[in-house]
Amino acid sequence: MINKADRKKVSMLLGLVLTLNVVCANSLGASPSVHQIPHLIIPILGTSLNKQFRPVGMVSQVVIDVYERQDHNGLQIQFHTEPGNFSLFARQSIHAAITRALAAANLPSESWTVLLKFPYTGLTVYGESLSAMVGLSVVSMIKGDHLLEGRALTGTITEGGSIGAVGGLQLKILAAYENHFERVLVPSEYDVRDGDWRTPFLMQVSPVGTVDEAYFGLTGHHLATLP
């Protein structure tokens, strides 16, 4: 039998395995052995429930800080827990997207630390549809390519380097339109449960199939530098 103390140790170890790194805001900035890239605030398209418990689209933001370390101990992705939080599923999808985006861009990942913040008190990000936007934004920060204003991406990044399907496209497109976005990039392979979606007047909705197409739509540059 496992006694109470041993069970507590096992639970703590499992929690460490299942949970990605969570750190305080200033734990990296004070170290002289890291180089910080100026932080970036990116738009995130999502869905939520209104007061009548009906699904609605929404636009929020995520703050990204990227640090280049002197060591080569591997990619580190860390999440603030305040003022807002990220669900475990959101963390896992973001981790996968950043890893795959860096690989698609042929960028080494072993010396980078990425720190993410959801700047909304008491709220939590759920789902995976923000992950491609986060992953490609991290690449843009490392490469020095600026994101074009008035553009946003919703979707995931698959193992094969495609932009994966997500739900709620019509609601997200309408939310982007109401927030004056000029162009929204969506997966070319969409969730069949969404049905058809309509493009609001004077806004461009662009289906993208690959990470390079999505990155070009966000920055005007190709993801990987040609030899």
Protein backbone atom coordinates (compact mmCIF):
# COMPACT_ATOMS: atom_id res chain seq x y z
CA MET A 1 0.00 0.00 0.00
CA ILE A 2 1.07 3.62 -0.56
CA ASN A 3 0.90 5.76 2.57
CA LYS A 4 -0.52 9.27 2.64
CA ALA A 5 2.87 10.98 2.33
CA ASP A 6 3.83 8.88 -0.71
CA ARG A 7 0.49 9.57 -2.40
CA LYS A 8 1.08 13.30 -1.93
CA LYS A 9 4.52 13.05 -3.56
CA VAL A 10 3.08 11.10 -6.52
CA SER A 11 0.33 13.70 -7.02
CA MET A 12 2.87 16.51 -6.99
CA LEU A 13 5.03 14.74 -9.58
CA LEU A 14 2.05 14.12 -11.87
CA GLY A 15 1.07 17.75 -11.59
CA LEU A 16 4.54 18.80 -12.66
CA VAL A 17 4.42 16.48 -15.66
CA LEU A 18 1.01 17.68 -16.83
CA THR A 19 1.51 21.41 -16.22
CA LEU A 20 3.72 23.61 -18.39
CA ASN A 21 6.01 26.16 -16.74
CA VAL A 22 4.27 29.05 -14.98
CA VAL A 23 6.43 31.91 -13.74
CA CYS A 24 6.27 35.33 -12.17
CA ALA A 25 6.50 38.33 -14.47
CA ASN A 26 9.99 39.55 -13.70
CA SER A 27 11.91 36.32 -13.09
CA LEU A 28 13.76 36.52 -16.43
CA GLY A 29 14.14 40.24 -16.99
CA ALA A 30 16.60 40.71 -14.15
CA SER A 31 19.12 38.20 -15.53
CA PRO A 32 22.05 39.69 -17.48
CA SER A 33 22.48 36.43 -19.43
CA VAL A 34 19.37 36.90 -21.56
CA HIS A 35 18.47 39.28 -24.38
CA GLN A 36 14.85 40.45 -24.48
CA ILE A 37 13.07 41.20 -27.73
CA PRO A 38 10.56 44.10 -27.35
CA HIS A 39 7.24 42.60 -26.31
CA LEU A 40 4.34 42.25 -28.70
CA ILE A 41 0.58 42.53 -28.13
CA ILE A 42 -1.40 40.41 -30.60
CA PRO A 43 -5.13 40.17 -31.34
CA ILE A 44 -6.92 36.91 -30.60
CA LEU A 45 -10.25 35.92 -32.14
CA GLY A 46 -12.44 33.75 -29.96
CA THR A 47 -15.95 32.95 -28.84
CA SER A 48 -17.76 33.25 -25.54
CA LEU A 49 -21.30 33.33 -24.11
CA ASN A 50 -23.25 36.54 -23.57
CA LYS A 51 -25.60 37.26 -20.67
CA GLN A 52 -28.32 35.26 -22.41
CA PHE A 53 -25.88 32.31 -22.71
CA ARG A 54 -25.75 32.64 -26.47
CA PRO A 55 -22.45 32.20 -28.32
CA VAL A 56 -20.82 35.42 -29.52
CA GLY A 57 -17.52 36.29 -31.14
CA MET A 58 -14.94 38.35 -29.30
CA VAL A 59 -11.56 39.99 -29.86
CA SER A 60 -9.03 39.95 -27.04
CA GLN A 61 -5.27 40.29 -26.74
CA VAL A 62 -2.27 38.24 -25.64
CA VAL A 63 1.04 39.78 -24.61
CA ILE A 64 4.19 37.97 -25.77
CA ASP A 65 7.73 38.44 -24.50
CA VAL A 66 10.63 36.57 -26.09
CA TYR A 67 14.09 36.18 -24.56
CA GLU A 68 17.23 34.77 -26.15
CA ARG A 69 19.34 32.93 -23.56
CA GLN A 70 23.05 32.19 -23.58
CA ASP A 71 22.52 28.47 -22.95
CA HIS A 72 21.19 25.81 -25.32
CA ASN A 73 18.94 23.98 -22.87
CA GLY A 74 15.87 23.88 -25.08
CA LEU A 75 12.77 25.93 -25.86
CA GLN A 76 10.99 27.19 -22.74
CA ILE A 77 7.39 28.39 -22.89
CA GLN A 78 6.02 29.97 -19.75
CA PHE A 79 2.61 31.37 -18.80
CA HIS A 80 1.58 34.14 -16.43
CA THR A 81 -1.30 33.19 -14.14
CA GLU A 82 -2.27 36.83 -13.50
CA PRO A 83 -4.15 38.91 -14.34
CA GLY A 84 -5.71 36.26 -16.61
CA ASN A 85 -4.87 32.59 -17.10
CA PHE A 86 -4.51 29.93 -19.80
CA SER A 87 -6.24 26.57 -19.58
CA LEU A 88 -4.10 23.44 -19.80
CA PHE A 89 -5.51 22.71 -23.28
CA ALA A 90 -4.68 26.24 -24.45
CA ARG A 91 -1.13 25.88 -23.10
CA GLN A 92 -0.61 22.57 -24.83
CA SER A 93 -1.89 23.88 -28.17
CA ILE A 94 0.25 27.02 -27.91
CA HIS A 95 3.32 24.94 -27.06
CA ALA A 96 2.75 22.73 -30.11
CA ALA A 97 2.14 25.72 -32.40
CA ILE A 98 5.29 27.59 -31.34
CA THR A 99 7.41 24.45 -31.71
CA ARG A 100 6.00 23.70 -35.17
CA ALA A 101 6.21 27.31 -36.35
CA LEU A 102 9.88 27.56 -35.40
CA ALA A 103 10.61 24.28 -37.17
CA ALA A 104 8.76 25.41 -40.31
CA ALA A 105 10.79 28.63 -40.30
CA ASN A 106 14.05 26.67 -39.93
CA LEU A 107 14.84 28.58 -36.75
CA PRO A 108 16.79 26.94 -33.90
CA SER A 109 14.71 26.79 -30.75
CA GLU A 110 17.09 25.64 -28.03
CA SER A 111 17.99 29.12 -26.69
CA TRP A 112 14.59 30.84 -26.63
CA THR A 113 12.22 31.52 -23.76
CA VAL A 114 8.68 32.65 -24.57
CA LEU A 115 6.54 34.29 -21.89
CA LEU A 116 2.80 34.77 -22.42
CA LYS A 117 0.24 36.90 -20.59
CA PHE A 118 -3.56 37.15 -20.90
CA PRO A 119 -4.18 40.69 -19.58
CA TYR A 120 -7.76 40.30 -18.31
CA THR A 121 -8.33 39.96 -14.58
CA GLY A 122 -10.05 36.74 -13.57
CA LEU A 123 -10.53 35.43 -17.12
CA THR A 124 -9.11 32.25 -18.65
CA VAL A 125 -8.30 31.43 -22.27
CA TYR A 126 -9.78 28.12 -23.38
CA GLY A 127 -9.47 26.28 -26.68
CA GLU A 128 -6.80 26.08 -29.37
CA SER A 129 -7.83 28.57 -32.04
CA LEU A 130 -5.37 31.21 -30.80
CA SER A 131 -2.39 28.88 -31.14
CA ALA A 132 -1.43 29.54 -34.79
CA MET A 133 -1.56 33.32 -34.23
CA VAL A 134 0.67 32.96 -31.18
CA GLY A 135 3.12 30.59 -32.87
CA LEU A 136 3.60 32.72 -35.98
CA SER A 137 3.83 35.90 -33.91
CA VAL A 138 6.73 34.40 -31.96
CA VAL A 139 8.48 33.65 -35.26
CA SER A 140 7.88 37.22 -36.43
CA MET A 141 9.48 38.57 -33.26
CA ILE A 142 12.58 36.41 -33.68
CA LYS A 143 12.92 37.21 -37.39
CA GLY A 144 12.18 40.92 -36.93
CA ASP A 145 9.16 40.91 -39.26
CA HIS A 146 6.41 43.27 -38.13
CA LEU A 147 2.79 42.13 -38.09
CA LEU A 148 0.62 44.13 -40.47
CA GLU A 149 -2.07 46.20 -38.77
CA GLY A 150 -5.70 45.21 -39.02
CA ARG A 151 -5.02 41.49 -39.56
CA ALA A 152 -5.66 38.42 -37.46
CA LEU A 153 -5.46 34.65 -37.81
CA THR A 154 -7.55 31.92 -36.25
CA GLY A 155 -6.55 28.26 -36.40
CA THR A 156 -4.02 25.70 -35.19
CA ILE A 157 -0.74 24.46 -36.65
CA THR A 158 -0.75 20.78 -37.51
CA GLU A 159 2.22 18.40 -37.46
CA GLY A 160 2.33 18.61 -41.25
CA GLY A 161 2.64 22.40 -41.28
CA SER A 162 -0.96 23.20 -42.22
CA ILE A 163 -3.36 25.63 -40.59
CA GLY A 164 -5.82 23.38 -38.80
CA ALA A 165 -9.58 23.84 -38.69
CA VAL A 166 -11.33 25.51 -35.75
CA GLY A 167 -14.97 26.27 -35.01
CA GLY A 168 -16.96 29.46 -34.63
CA LEU A 169 -15.65 31.14 -37.78
CA GLN A 170 -18.75 33.21 -38.52
CA LEU A 171 -18.83 34.59 -34.97
CA LYS A 172 -15.10 35.39 -35.04
CA ILE A 173 -15.36 37.08 -38.43
CA LEU A 174 -18.23 39.28 -37.23
CA ALA A 175 -16.29 40.20 -34.08
CA ALA A 176 -13.27 41.15 -36.19
CA TYR A 177 -15.49 43.28 -38.43
CA GLU A 178 -17.00 45.08 -35.43
CA ASN A 179 -13.47 45.81 -34.22
CA HIS A 180 -12.48 47.28 -37.60
CA PHE A 181 -10.14 44.55 -38.82
CA GLU A 182 -9.39 44.71 -42.52
CA ARG A 183 -8.43 41.09 -43.11
CA VAL A 184 -8.99 37.82 -41.27
CA LEU A 185 -7.04 34.68 -42.14
CA VAL A 186 -8.97 31.45 -41.62
CA PRO A 187 -8.13 27.77 -42.23
CA SER A 188 -8.88 26.65 -45.78
CA GLU A 189 -10.11 23.40 -44.24
CA TYR A 190 -12.97 24.59 -42.08
CA ASP A 191 -15.06 22.80 -39.46
CA VAL A 192 -18.11 21.36 -41.25
CA ARG A 193 -20.23 22.07 -38.17
CA ASP A 194 -19.86 25.78 -38.91
CA GLY A 195 -21.68 25.59 -42.25
CA ASP A 196 -21.19 28.46 -44.67
CA TRP A 197 -19.90 31.82 -43.46
CA ARG A 198 -20.42 35.24 -44.97
CA THR A 199 -17.88 38.01 -45.47
CA PRO A 200 -18.92 41.40 -44.06
CA PHE A 201 -18.83 44.41 -46.37
CA LEU A 202 -15.36 45.94 -46.90
CA MET A 203 -13.54 43.18 -45.00
CA GLN A 204 -11.37 40.49 -46.58
CA VAL A 205 -11.55 36.90 -45.36
CA SER A 206 -8.64 34.82 -46.68
CA PRO A 207 -8.53 31.02 -46.40
CA VAL A 208 -4.94 29.82 -45.86
CA GLY A 209 -3.71 26.25 -46.08
CA THR A 210 -0.09 26.37 -44.94
CA VAL A 211 1.90 28.15 -42.27
CA ASP A 212 3.83 30.01 -44.97
CA GLU A 213 0.60 31.35 -46.50
CA ALA A 214 -0.61 32.42 -43.06
CA TYR A 215 2.71 34.06 -42.17
CA PHE A 216 2.80 35.93 -45.48
CA GLY A 217 -0.75 37.15 -44.86
CA LEU A 218 0.21 38.42 -41.41
CA THR A 219 3.59 39.99 -42.24
CA GLY A 220 4.05 40.27 -46.02
CA HIS A 221 7.13 38.04 -45.71
CA HIS A 222 7.71 34.35 -46.29
CA LEU A 223 8.18 32.11 -43.26
CA ALA A 224 11.53 30.58 -44.18
CA THR A 225 14.38 32.41 -45.91
CA LEU A 226 15.12 30.89 -49.29
CA PRO A 227 18.74 29.75 -49.84
